[in-house]
Amino acid sequence: MRIMPLVFTAAVAMAALCAQAVIDCSKPANNPDRLVCSNDRLAAADERMARAFREALRRGVGLEKLLATQRHWKANVRDVCNDVPCLLRAYEERTAELDSF
């Protein structure tokens, strides 16, 4: 039954990917989340970044590396932004970084 560990690993990876792309707009956790939920350009940038994350994983970038760099980006880049231009720049730079992995 070697297939079961693979299925479990794939399920964990998909759950991690979904968690990276979802902001609960019914109760945003912080100001950057509120801005993303209220601005179409930011919401689109968030979607582009989520796609780049999934594509990096598909290309074989390790899940742990992606999650670690995503957590660092969120805490140290994204969540320090308090306005739309800063967040757009943060999302564009992160998307470019993910595309380069």
N, C-alpha and C. Protein backbone atom coordinates (compact mmCIF):
# COMPACT_ATOMS: atom_id res chain seq x y z
N MET A 1 0.82 -1.19 0.00
CA MET A 1 0.00 0.00 0.00
C MET A 1 0.87 1.26 0.00
N ARG A 2 1.80 1.36 -0.93
CA ARG A 2 2.66 2.53 -1.03
C ARG A 2 1.89 3.73 -1.56
N ILE A 3 0.75 3.51 -2.14
CA ILE A 3 -0.04 4.61 -2.71
C ILE A 3 -0.63 5.50 -1.62
N MET A 4 -1.00 4.92 -0.50
CA MET A 4 -1.63 5.70 0.57
C MET A 4 -0.75 6.85 1.06
N PRO A 5 0.56 6.63 1.32
CA PRO A 5 1.38 7.77 1.74
C PRO A 5 1.44 8.87 0.67
N LEU A 6 1.45 8.48 -0.59
CA LEU A 6 1.47 9.47 -1.66
C LEU A 6 0.18 10.26 -1.70
N VAL A 7 -0.93 9.59 -1.50
CA VAL A 7 -2.23 10.26 -1.49
C VAL A 7 -2.30 11.23 -0.32
N PHE A 8 -1.84 10.78 0.84
CA PHE A 8 -1.84 11.63 2.02
C PHE A 8 -0.95 12.86 1.80
N THR A 9 0.24 12.66 1.28
CA THR A 9 1.16 13.77 1.01
C THR A 9 0.55 14.75 0.03
N ALA A 10 -0.09 14.25 -1.01
CA ALA A 10 -0.73 15.13 -1.99
C ALA A 10 -1.86 15.92 -1.34
N ALA A 11 -2.63 15.28 -0.48
CA ALA A 11 -3.73 15.98 0.20
C ALA A 11 -3.21 17.08 1.11
N VAL A 12 -2.12 16.81 1.84
CA VAL A 12 -1.52 17.82 2.71
C VAL A 12 -1.00 18.99 1.87
N ALA A 13 -0.36 18.68 0.76
CA ALA A 13 0.16 19.74 -0.11
C ALA A 13 -0.96 20.60 -0.66
N MET A 14 -2.05 19.99 -1.08
CA MET A 14 -3.17 20.76 -1.62
C MET A 14 -3.79 21.63 -0.53
N ALA A 15 -3.90 21.12 0.68
CA ALA A 15 -4.45 21.91 1.77
C ALA A 15 -3.56 23.11 2.05
N ALA A 16 -2.26 22.91 2.01
CA ALA A 16 -1.32 24.01 2.23
C ALA A 16 -1.46 25.05 1.13
N LEU A 17 -1.62 24.61 -0.09
CA LEU A 17 -1.78 25.55 -1.20
C LEU A 17 -3.06 26.35 -1.07
N CYS A 18 -4.13 25.69 -0.71
CA CYS A 18 -5.39 26.40 -0.55
C CYS A 18 -5.28 27.43 0.56
N ALA A 19 -4.59 27.08 1.63
CA ALA A 19 -4.45 28.00 2.75
C ALA A 19 -3.66 29.24 2.35
N GLN A 20 -2.74 29.11 1.41
CA GLN A 20 -1.94 30.25 0.99
C GLN A 20 -2.74 31.27 0.22
N ALA A 21 -3.78 30.85 -0.44
CA ALA A 21 -4.48 31.74 -1.36
C ALA A 21 -5.78 32.31 -0.81
N VAL A 22 -6.20 31.91 0.38
CA VAL A 22 -7.52 32.27 0.84
C VAL A 22 -7.45 33.33 1.93
N ILE A 23 -8.17 34.41 1.69
CA ILE A 23 -8.39 35.42 2.72
C ILE A 23 -9.88 35.40 3.02
N ASP A 24 -10.20 35.25 4.27
CA ASP A 24 -11.60 35.22 4.66
C ASP A 24 -12.09 36.67 4.75
N CYS A 25 -12.74 37.13 3.70
CA CYS A 25 -13.18 38.52 3.63
C CYS A 25 -14.38 38.82 4.53
N SER A 26 -14.98 37.79 5.11
CA SER A 26 -16.07 38.05 6.05
C SER A 26 -15.52 38.53 7.39
N LYS A 27 -14.25 38.21 7.66
CA LYS A 27 -13.59 38.68 8.88
C LYS A 27 -12.09 38.80 8.64
N PRO A 28 -11.69 39.83 7.89
CA PRO A 28 -10.27 40.01 7.59
C PRO A 28 -9.45 40.17 8.88
N ALA A 29 -8.29 39.53 8.91
CA ALA A 29 -7.48 39.47 10.12
C ALA A 29 -6.69 40.75 10.40
N ASN A 30 -6.38 41.50 9.35
CA ASN A 30 -5.54 42.68 9.53
C ASN A 30 -5.81 43.69 8.41
N ASN A 31 -5.13 44.81 8.47
CA ASN A 31 -5.36 45.86 7.47
C ASN A 31 -5.02 45.39 6.04
N PRO A 32 -3.89 44.71 5.82
CA PRO A 32 -3.63 44.23 4.46
C PRO A 32 -4.74 43.32 3.93
N ASP A 33 -5.27 42.45 4.78
CA ASP A 33 -6.39 41.60 4.36
C ASP A 33 -7.61 42.45 3.99
N ARG A 34 -7.91 43.45 4.81
CA ARG A 34 -9.05 44.33 4.51
C ARG A 34 -8.85 45.04 3.16
N LEU A 35 -7.63 45.48 2.92
CA LEU A 35 -7.36 46.15 1.65
C LEU A 35 -7.53 45.21 0.46
N VAL A 36 -7.02 43.98 0.59
CA VAL A 36 -7.17 43.00 -0.50
C VAL A 36 -8.64 42.70 -0.74
N CYS A 37 -9.41 42.59 0.33
CA CYS A 37 -10.83 42.28 0.20
C CYS A 37 -11.64 43.42 -0.42
N SER A 38 -11.13 44.64 -0.31
CA SER A 38 -11.91 45.79 -0.78
C SER A 38 -11.37 46.39 -2.08
N ASN A 39 -10.34 45.79 -2.67
CA ASN A 39 -9.73 46.37 -3.86
C ASN A 39 -9.57 45.30 -4.93
N ASP A 40 -10.20 45.49 -6.08
CA ASP A 40 -10.14 44.49 -7.15
C ASP A 40 -8.73 44.26 -7.67
N ARG A 41 -7.93 45.30 -7.75
CA ARG A 41 -6.55 45.13 -8.23
C ARG A 41 -5.73 44.28 -7.28
N LEU A 42 -5.91 44.51 -5.98
CA LEU A 42 -5.20 43.70 -5.00
C LEU A 42 -5.70 42.26 -4.99
N ALA A 43 -7.00 42.07 -5.12
CA ALA A 43 -7.55 40.71 -5.18
C ALA A 43 -6.98 39.96 -6.39
N ALA A 44 -6.88 40.64 -7.52
CA ALA A 44 -6.30 40.01 -8.71
C ALA A 44 -4.82 39.70 -8.50
N ALA A 45 -4.10 40.60 -7.84
CA ALA A 45 -2.68 40.37 -7.56
C ALA A 45 -2.52 39.17 -6.63
N ASP A 46 -3.42 39.03 -5.66
CA ASP A 46 -3.38 37.89 -4.75
C ASP A 46 -3.61 36.59 -5.52
N GLU A 47 -4.54 36.61 -6.46
CA GLU A 47 -4.80 35.42 -7.29
C GLU A 47 -3.59 35.07 -8.15
N ARG A 48 -2.96 36.09 -8.76
CA ARG A 48 -1.76 35.83 -9.57
C ARG A 48 -0.65 35.23 -8.73
N MET A 49 -0.47 35.74 -7.53
CA MET A 49 0.56 35.21 -6.65
C MET A 49 0.24 33.77 -6.25
N ALA A 50 -1.02 33.47 -5.98
CA ALA A 50 -1.41 32.11 -5.63
C ALA A 50 -1.14 31.15 -6.79
N ARG A 51 -1.42 31.61 -8.02
CA ARG A 51 -1.13 30.77 -9.19
C ARG A 51 0.37 30.53 -9.32
N ALA A 52 1.17 31.57 -9.09
CA ALA A 52 2.63 31.43 -9.17
C ALA A 52 3.13 30.45 -8.11
N PHE A 53 2.52 30.48 -6.94
CA PHE A 53 2.87 29.54 -5.86
C PHE A 53 2.59 28.11 -6.31
N ARG A 54 1.39 27.89 -6.84
CA ARG A 54 1.03 26.54 -7.31
C ARG A 54 1.94 26.08 -8.45
N GLU A 55 2.27 26.99 -9.35
CA GLU A 55 3.15 26.64 -10.47
C GLU A 55 4.56 26.29 -9.99
N ALA A 56 5.05 27.01 -8.99
CA ALA A 56 6.37 26.69 -8.44
C ALA A 56 6.36 25.29 -7.84
N LEU A 57 5.30 24.96 -7.15
CA LEU A 57 5.19 23.62 -6.58
C LEU A 57 5.13 22.58 -7.69
N ARG A 58 4.37 22.87 -8.73
CA ARG A 58 4.26 21.95 -9.87
C ARG A 58 5.61 21.73 -10.54
N ARG A 59 6.45 22.79 -10.57
CA ARG A 59 7.78 22.69 -11.19
C ARG A 59 8.77 21.93 -10.32
N GLY A 60 8.36 21.58 -9.11
CA GLY A 60 9.22 20.77 -8.27
C GLY A 60 9.89 21.52 -7.13
N VAL A 61 9.54 22.77 -6.92
CA VAL A 61 10.08 23.49 -5.77
C VAL A 61 9.48 22.84 -4.53
N GLY A 62 10.29 22.57 -3.55
CA GLY A 62 9.82 21.88 -2.35
C GLY A 62 8.75 22.65 -1.59
N LEU A 63 7.76 21.92 -1.11
CA LEU A 63 6.65 22.53 -0.38
C LEU A 63 7.15 23.26 0.86
N GLU A 64 8.08 22.65 1.60
CA GLU A 64 8.59 23.30 2.81
C GLU A 64 9.27 24.63 2.48
N LYS A 65 10.04 24.66 1.40
CA LYS A 65 10.70 25.90 1.00
C LYS A 65 9.66 26.96 0.63
N LEU A 66 8.67 26.56 -0.14
CA LEU A 66 7.63 27.51 -0.54
C LEU A 66 6.87 28.05 0.67
N LEU A 67 6.50 27.17 1.58
CA LEU A 67 5.75 27.62 2.75
C LEU A 67 6.60 28.52 3.64
N ALA A 68 7.88 28.18 3.81
CA ALA A 68 8.75 29.00 4.65
C ALA A 68 8.94 30.39 4.05
N THR A 69 9.18 30.44 2.73
CA THR A 69 9.39 31.75 2.11
C THR A 69 8.08 32.54 2.07
N GLN A 70 6.95 31.84 1.95
CA GLN A 70 5.65 32.52 1.95
C GLN A 70 5.35 33.13 3.32
N ARG A 71 5.62 32.37 4.37
CA ARG A 71 5.40 32.89 5.72
C ARG A 71 6.29 34.10 5.98
N HIS A 72 7.55 34.03 5.56
CA HIS A 72 8.47 35.15 5.74
C HIS A 72 7.97 36.37 4.97
N TRP A 73 7.58 36.18 3.71
CA TRP A 73 7.08 37.28 2.90
C TRP A 73 5.85 37.91 3.54
N LYS A 74 4.93 37.08 3.99
CA LYS A 74 3.69 37.60 4.57
C LYS A 74 3.98 38.44 5.81
N ALA A 75 4.80 37.92 6.70
CA ALA A 75 5.07 38.61 7.95
C ALA A 75 5.96 39.84 7.78
N ASN A 76 6.93 39.77 6.88
CA ASN A 76 7.95 40.82 6.81
C ASN A 76 7.80 41.78 5.64
N VAL A 77 6.96 41.44 4.69
CA VAL A 77 6.77 42.32 3.53
C VAL A 77 5.30 42.72 3.41
N ARG A 78 4.44 41.75 3.19
CA ARG A 78 3.02 42.03 2.95
C ARG A 78 2.35 42.71 4.14
N ASP A 79 2.51 42.14 5.32
CA ASP A 79 1.76 42.63 6.47
C ASP A 79 2.29 43.94 7.05
N VAL A 80 3.40 44.45 6.53
CA VAL A 80 3.86 45.77 6.98
C VAL A 80 3.30 46.87 6.08
N CYS A 81 2.63 46.49 5.01
CA CYS A 81 2.02 47.47 4.11
C CYS A 81 0.70 47.98 4.69
N ASN A 82 0.49 49.28 4.51
CA ASN A 82 -0.75 49.89 5.00
C ASN A 82 -1.52 50.62 3.92
N ASP A 83 -1.08 50.46 2.66
CA ASP A 83 -1.81 51.12 1.58
C ASP A 83 -1.74 50.27 0.31
N VAL A 84 -2.57 50.60 -0.64
CA VAL A 84 -2.70 49.83 -1.87
C VAL A 84 -1.40 49.80 -2.67
N PRO A 85 -0.72 50.93 -2.91
CA PRO A 85 0.51 50.87 -3.71
C PRO A 85 1.58 49.94 -3.09
N CYS A 86 1.73 49.99 -1.79
CA CYS A 86 2.71 49.12 -1.13
C CYS A 86 2.34 47.66 -1.32
N LEU A 87 1.06 47.34 -1.13
CA LEU A 87 0.62 45.95 -1.29
C LEU A 87 0.75 45.47 -2.73
N LEU A 88 0.40 46.31 -3.68
CA LEU A 88 0.57 45.92 -5.08
C LEU A 88 2.03 45.60 -5.38
N ARG A 89 2.92 46.45 -4.91
CA ARG A 89 4.35 46.22 -5.12
C ARG A 89 4.79 44.92 -4.44
N ALA A 90 4.31 44.67 -3.22
CA ALA A 90 4.67 43.45 -2.50
C ALA A 90 4.20 42.21 -3.25
N TYR A 91 2.97 42.24 -3.73
CA TYR A 91 2.44 41.09 -4.48
C TYR A 91 3.18 40.89 -5.80
N GLU A 92 3.47 41.97 -6.50
CA GLU A 92 4.20 41.84 -7.78
C GLU A 92 5.59 41.27 -7.56
N GLU A 93 6.27 41.74 -6.53
CA GLU A 93 7.62 41.23 -6.25
C GLU A 93 7.59 39.76 -5.82
N ARG A 94 6.63 39.38 -5.01
CA ARG A 94 6.52 38.00 -4.58
C ARG A 94 6.16 37.08 -5.74
N THR A 95 5.28 37.53 -6.60
CA THR A 95 4.92 36.74 -7.78
C THR A 95 6.14 36.54 -8.67
N ALA A 96 6.92 37.57 -8.88
CA ALA A 96 8.16 37.46 -9.69
C ALA A 96 9.13 36.50 -9.02
N GLU A 97 9.24 36.56 -7.70
CA GLU A 97 10.13 35.66 -6.98
C GLU A 97 9.67 34.21 -7.17
N LEU A 98 8.38 33.95 -7.01
CA LEU A 98 7.87 32.60 -7.19
C LEU A 98 8.08 32.12 -8.62
N ASP A 99 7.92 33.01 -9.58
CA ASP A 99 8.14 32.64 -10.99
C ASP A 99 9.59 32.27 -11.26
N SER A 100 10.51 32.82 -10.46
CA SER A 100 11.93 32.57 -10.70
C SER A 100 12.44 31.29 -10.01
N PHE A 101 11.65 30.70 -9.12
CA PHE A 101 12.08 29.47 -8.44
C PHE A 101 12.17 28.35 -9.44
